PDB file of N, CA and C in Angstrom:
ATOM      1  N   MET A   1       9.191  33.516  51.524  1.00  0.00           N
ATOM      2  CA  MET A   1       9.339  32.873  50.227  1.00  0.00           C
ATOM      3  C   MET A   1       9.787  31.420  50.389  1.00  0.00           C
ATOM      4  N   LYS A   2      10.555  31.163  51.436  1.00  0.00           N
ATOM      5  CA  LYS A   2      11.019  29.802  51.662  1.00  0.00           C
ATOM      6  C   LYS A   2       9.840  28.856  51.881  1.00  0.00           C
ATOM      7  N   ASN A   3       8.849  29.332  52.611  1.00  0.00           N
ATOM      8  CA  ASN A   3       7.659  28.536  52.884  1.00  0.00           C
ATOM      9  C   ASN A   3       6.889  28.245  51.604  1.00  0.00           C
ATOM     10  N   ILE A   4       6.799  29.206  50.739  1.00  0.00           N
ATOM     11  CA  ILE A   4       6.091  29.024  49.468  1.00  0.00           C
ATOM     12  C   ILE A   4       6.800  27.983  48.614  1.00  0.00           C
ATOM     13  N   TYR A   5       8.139  28.059  48.558  1.00  0.00           N
ATOM     14  CA  TYR A   5       8.898  27.077  47.791  1.00  0.00           C
ATOM     15  C   TYR A   5       8.749  25.669  48.377  1.00  0.00           C
ATOM     16  N   GLN A   6       8.708  25.573  49.698  1.00  0.00           N
ATOM     17  CA  GLN A   6       8.493  24.273  50.339  1.00  0.00           C
ATOM     18  C   GLN A   6       7.130  23.706  49.953  1.00  0.00           C
ATOM     19  N   ASN A   7       6.105  24.539  49.993  1.00  0.00           N
ATOM     20  CA  ASN A   7       4.756  24.078  49.670  1.00  0.00           C
ATOM     21  C   ASN A   7       4.638  23.631  48.224  1.00  0.00           C
ATOM     22  N   ILE A   8       5.210  24.400  47.326  1.00  0.00           N
ATOM     23  CA  ILE A   8       5.149  24.033  45.907  1.00  0.00           C
ATOM     24  C   ILE A   8       5.909  22.741  45.659  1.00  0.00           C
ATOM     25  N   SER A   9       7.099  22.620  46.249  1.00  0.00           N
ATOM     26  CA  SER A   9       7.900  21.407  46.066  1.00  0.00           C
ATOM     27  C   SER A   9       7.199  20.177  46.620  1.00  0.00           C
ATOM     28  N   LEU A  10       6.615  20.312  47.790  1.00  0.00           N
ATOM     29  CA  LEU A  10       5.913  19.184  48.397  1.00  0.00           C
ATOM     30  C   LEU A  10       4.727  18.749  47.543  1.00  0.00           C
ATOM     31  N   ALA A  11       3.920  19.696  47.143  1.00  0.00           N
ATOM     32  CA  ALA A  11       2.715  19.360  46.376  1.00  0.00           C
ATOM     33  C   ALA A  11       3.069  18.752  45.017  1.00  0.00           C
ATOM     34  N   LEU A  12       3.962  19.387  44.291  1.00  0.00           N
ATOM     35  CA  LEU A  12       4.320  18.865  42.964  1.00  0.00           C
ATOM     36  C   LEU A  12       5.103  17.563  43.048  1.00  0.00           C
ATOM     37  N   GLY A  13       5.931  17.439  44.079  1.00  0.00           N
ATOM     38  CA  GLY A  13       6.692  16.204  44.253  1.00  0.00           C
ATOM     39  C   GLY A  13       5.796  15.009  44.500  1.00  0.00           C
ATOM     40  N   LEU A  14       4.835  15.165  45.389  1.00  0.00           N
ATOM     41  CA  LEU A  14       3.909  14.062  45.654  1.00  0.00           C
ATOM     42  C   LEU A  14       3.061  13.734  44.433  1.00  0.00           C
ATOM     43  N   LYS A  15       2.641  14.753  43.720  1.00  0.00           N
ATOM     44  CA  LYS A  15       1.852  14.511  42.503  1.00  0.00           C
ATOM     45  C   LYS A  15       2.678  13.746  41.473  1.00  0.00           C
ATOM     46  N   ALA A  16       3.941  14.115  41.319  1.00  0.00           N
ATOM     47  CA  ALA A  16       4.811  13.446  40.352  1.00  0.00           C
ATOM     48  C   ALA A  16       5.045  11.989  40.729  1.00  0.00           C
ATOM     49  N   VAL A  17       5.292  11.740  42.000  1.00  0.00           N
ATOM     50  CA  VAL A  17       5.525  10.360  42.459  1.00  0.00           C
ATOM     51  C   VAL A  17       4.294   9.496  42.204  1.00  0.00           C
ATOM     52  N   PHE A  18       3.135   9.991  42.560  1.00  0.00           N
ATOM     53  CA  PHE A  18       1.928   9.180  42.392  1.00  0.00           C
ATOM     54  C   PHE A  18       1.494   9.109  40.935  1.00  0.00           C
ATOM     55  N   LEU A  19       1.822  10.093  40.135  1.00  0.00           N
ATOM     56  CA  LEU A  19       1.533   9.998  38.701  1.00  0.00           C
ATOM     57  C   LEU A  19       2.317   8.847  38.085  1.00  0.00           C
ATOM     58  N   VAL A  20       3.598   8.775  38.407  1.00  0.00           N
ATOM     59  CA  VAL A  20       4.440   7.718  37.848  1.00  0.00           C
ATOM     60  C   VAL A  20       4.030   6.348  38.390  1.00  0.00           C
ATOM     61  N   THR A  21       3.840   6.260  39.704  1.00  0.00           N
ATOM     62  CA  THR A  21       3.505   4.945  40.276  1.00  0.00           C
ATOM     63  C   THR A  21       2.118   4.465  39.855  1.00  0.00           C
ATOM     64  N   THR A  22       1.208   5.377  39.618  1.00  0.00           N
ATOM     65  CA  THR A  22      -0.117   4.972  39.143  1.00  0.00           C
ATOM     66  C   THR A  22      -0.037   4.471  37.704  1.00  0.00           C
ATOM     67  N   HIS A  23       0.748   5.144  36.880  1.00  0.00           N
ATOM     68  CA  HIS A  23       0.896   4.688  35.493  1.00  0.00           C
ATOM     69  C   HIS A  23       1.607   3.343  35.416  1.00  0.00           C
ATOM     70  N   LEU A  24       2.503   3.080  36.371  1.00  0.00           N
ATOM     71  CA  LEU A  24       3.201   1.796  36.392  1.00  0.00           C
ATOM     72  C   LEU A  24       2.370   0.687  37.023  1.00  0.00           C
ATOM     73  N   GLY A  25       1.252   1.040  37.614  1.00  0.00           N
ATOM     74  CA  GLY A  25       0.379   0.049  38.219  1.00  0.00           C
ATOM     75  C   GLY A  25       0.752  -0.307  39.651  1.00  0.00           C
ATOM     76  N   ILE A  26       1.649   0.439  40.246  1.00  0.00           N
ATOM     77  CA  ILE A  26       2.077   0.158  41.618  1.00  0.00           C
ATOM     78  C   ILE A  26       1.030   0.648  42.614  1.00  0.00           C
ATOM     79  N   THR A  27       0.461   1.799  42.340  1.00  0.00           N
ATOM     80  CA  THR A  27      -0.584   2.348  43.207  1.00  0.00           C
ATOM     81  C   THR A  27      -1.868   2.501  42.395  1.00  0.00           C
ATOM     82  N   SER A  28      -2.959   2.628  43.118  1.00  0.00           N
ATOM     83  CA  SER A  28      -4.240   2.797  42.441  1.00  0.00           C
ATOM     84  C   SER A  28      -4.568   4.286  42.312  1.00  0.00           C
ATOM     85  N   LEU A  29      -5.566   4.555  41.528  1.00  0.00           N
ATOM     86  CA  LEU A  29      -5.998   5.936  41.354  1.00  0.00           C
ATOM     87  C   LEU A  29      -6.516   6.501  42.669  1.00  0.00           C
ATOM     88  N   TRP A  30      -7.186   5.662  43.453  1.00  0.00           N
ATOM     89  CA  TRP A  30      -7.712   6.141  44.740  1.00  0.00           C
ATOM     90  C   TRP A  30      -6.593   6.492  45.704  1.00  0.00           C
ATOM     91  N   MET A  31      -5.503   5.748  45.669  1.00  0.00           N
ATOM     92  CA  MET A  31      -4.353   6.086  46.518  1.00  0.00           C
ATOM     93  C   MET A  31      -3.765   7.429  46.099  1.00  0.00           C
ATOM     94  N   ALA A  32      -3.730   7.692  44.802  1.00  0.00           N
ATOM     95  CA  ALA A  32      -3.228   8.971  44.312  1.00  0.00           C
ATOM     96  C   ALA A  32      -4.145  10.119  44.733  1.00  0.00           C
ATOM     97  N   ILE A  33      -5.436   9.878  44.710  1.00  0.00           N
ATOM     98  CA  ILE A  33      -6.390  10.912  45.143  1.00  0.00           C
ATOM     99  C   ILE A  33      -6.207  11.203  46.623  1.00  0.00           C
ATOM    100  N   MET A  34      -6.052  10.159  47.430  1.00  0.00           N
ATOM    101  CA  MET A  34      -5.845  10.353  48.868  1.00  0.00           C
ATOM    102  C   MET A  34      -4.516  11.054  49.144  1.00  0.00           C
ATOM    103  N   ALA A  35      -3.488  10.731  48.376  1.00  0.00           N
ATOM    104  CA  ALA A  35      -2.200  11.396  48.554  1.00  0.00           C
ATOM    105  C   ALA A  35      -2.305  12.878  48.190  1.00  0.00           C
ATOM    106  N   ASP A  36      -3.082  13.184  47.173  1.00  0.00           N
ATOM    107  CA  ASP A  36      -3.278  14.579  46.783  1.00  0.00           C
ATOM    108  C   ASP A  36      -4.021  15.346  47.882  1.00  0.00           C
ATOM    109  N   THR A  37      -5.008  14.708  48.470  1.00  0.00           N
ATOM    110  CA  THR A  37      -5.731  15.328  49.576  1.00  0.00           C
ATOM    111  C   THR A  37      -4.809  15.521  50.776  1.00  0.00           C
ATOM    112  N   GLY A  38      -4.002  14.522  51.049  1.00  0.00           N
ATOM    113  CA  GLY A  38      -3.036  14.630  52.134  1.00  0.00           C
ATOM    114  C   GLY A  38      -2.015  15.723  51.889  1.00  0.00           C
ATOM    115  N   ALA A  39      -1.585  15.877  50.643  1.00  0.00           N
ATOM    116  CA  ALA A  39      -0.641  16.942  50.306  1.00  0.00           C
ATOM    117  C   ALA A  39      -1.275  18.305  50.519  1.00  0.00           C
ATOM    118  N   ALA A  40      -2.548  18.429  50.192  1.00  0.00           N
ATOM    119  CA  ALA A  40      -3.238  19.706  50.412  1.00  0.00           C
ATOM    120  C   ALA A  40      -3.305  20.044  51.894  1.00  0.00           C
ATOM    121  N   VAL A  41      -3.534  19.030  52.713  1.00  0.00           N
ATOM    122  CA  VAL A  41      -3.566  19.249  54.166  1.00  0.00           C
ATOM    123  C   VAL A  41      -2.185  19.655  54.676  1.00  0.00           C
ATOM    124  N   LEU A  42      -1.139  18.968  54.226  1.00  0.00           N
ATOM    125  CA  LEU A  42       0.219  19.300  54.658  1.00  0.00           C
ATOM    126  C   LEU A  42       0.625  20.702  54.225  1.00  0.00           C
ATOM    127  N   VAL A  43       0.275  21.075  53.007  1.00  0.00           N
ATOM    128  CA  VAL A  43       0.596  22.413  52.514  1.00  0.00           C
ATOM    129  C   VAL A  43      -0.140  23.470  53.335  1.00  0.00           C
ATOM    130  N   THR A  44      -1.391  23.201  53.663  1.00  0.00           N
ATOM    131  CA  THR A  44      -2.166  24.146  54.471  1.00  0.00           C
ATOM    132  C   THR A  44      -1.567  24.288  55.862  1.00  0.00           C
ATOM    133  N   LEU A  45      -1.213  23.169  56.482  1.00  0.00           N
ATOM    134  CA  LEU A  45      -0.606  23.229  57.813  1.00  0.00           C
ATOM    135  C   LEU A  45       0.738  23.947  57.786  1.00  0.00           C
ATOM    136  N   ASN A  46       1.510  23.718  56.748  1.00  0.00           N
ATOM    137  CA  ASN A  46       2.794  24.401  56.614  1.00  0.00           C
ATOM    138  C   ASN A  46       2.583  25.902  56.435  1.00  0.00           C
ATOM    139  N   ALA A  47       1.577  26.285  55.696  1.00  0.00           N
ATOM    140  CA  ALA A  47       1.298  27.704  55.481  1.00  0.00           C
ATOM    141  C   ALA A  47       0.782  28.370  56.747  1.00  0.00           C
ATOM    142  N   LEU A  48       0.100  27.623  57.586  1.00  0.00           N
ATOM    143  CA  LEU A  48      -0.421  28.191  58.830  1.00  0.00           C
ATOM    144  C   LEU A  48       0.699  28.586  59.799  1.00  0.00           C
ATOM    145  N   ARG A  49       1.889  28.037  59.593  1.00  0.00           N
ATOM    146  CA  ARG A  49       3.028  28.447  60.425  1.00  0.00           C
ATOM    147  C   ARG A  49       3.334  29.920  60.253  1.00  0.00           C
ATOM    148  N   LEU A  50       2.979  30.482  59.127  1.00  0.00           N
ATOM    149  CA  LEU A  50       3.258  31.896  58.870  1.00  0.00           C
ATOM    150  C   LEU A  50       2.436  32.815  59.766  1.00  0.00           C
ATOM    151  N   LEU A  51       1.345  32.320  60.311  1.00  0.00           N
ATOM    152  CA  LEU A  51       0.527  33.148  61.194  1.00  0.00           C
ATOM    153  C   LEU A  51       1.263  33.522  62.476  1.00  0.00           C
ATOM    154  N   SER A  52       2.186  32.677  62.913  1.00  0.00           N
ATOM    155  CA  SER A  52       2.924  32.966  64.140  1.00  0.00           C
ATOM    156  C   SER A  52       4.245  33.676  63.873  1.00  0.00           C
ATOM    157  N   TYR A  53       4.541  33.978  62.626  1.00  0.00           N
ATOM    158  CA  TYR A  53       5.799  34.647  62.268  1.00  0.00           C
ATOM    159  C   TYR A  53       5.749  36.111  62.672  1.00  0.00           C
ATOM    160  N   LYS A  54       6.785  36.535  63.376  1.00  0.00           N
ATOM    161  CA  LYS A  54       6.899  37.936  63.781  1.00  0.00           C
ATOM    162  C   LYS A  54       8.231  38.472  63.258  1.00  0.00           C
ATOM    163  N   PRO A  55       8.193  39.323  62.255  1.00  0.00           N
ATOM    164  CA  PRO A  55       9.453  39.828  61.684  1.00  0.00           C
ATOM    165  C   PRO A  55      10.209  40.715  62.683  1.00  0.00           C
ATOM    166  N   LYS A  56      11.535  40.665  62.577  1.00  0.00           N
ATOM    167  CA  LYS A  56      12.367  41.517  63.417  1.00  0.00           C
ATOM    168  C   LYS A  56      12.381  42.923  62.835  1.00  0.00           C
ATOM    169  N   ARG A  57      12.281  43.906  63.700  1.00  0.00           N
ATOM    170  CA  ARG A  57      12.252  45.288  63.212  1.00  0.00           C
ATOM    171  C   ARG A  57      13.549  45.970  63.471  1.00  0.00           C
TER     172      ARG A  57
END
């Protein structure tokens, strides 16, 4: 569950930052699109860590 919360926080956090900065004119729409794509890659890589998880029995 910790991994899921990390992924959600990362994705929504980056979206929120670029939403605000794009509306303020600091970043462009294309930068926001690239950041969203980058966030998807980071979330996927973070989720792939679960493949090596071995629970203690």
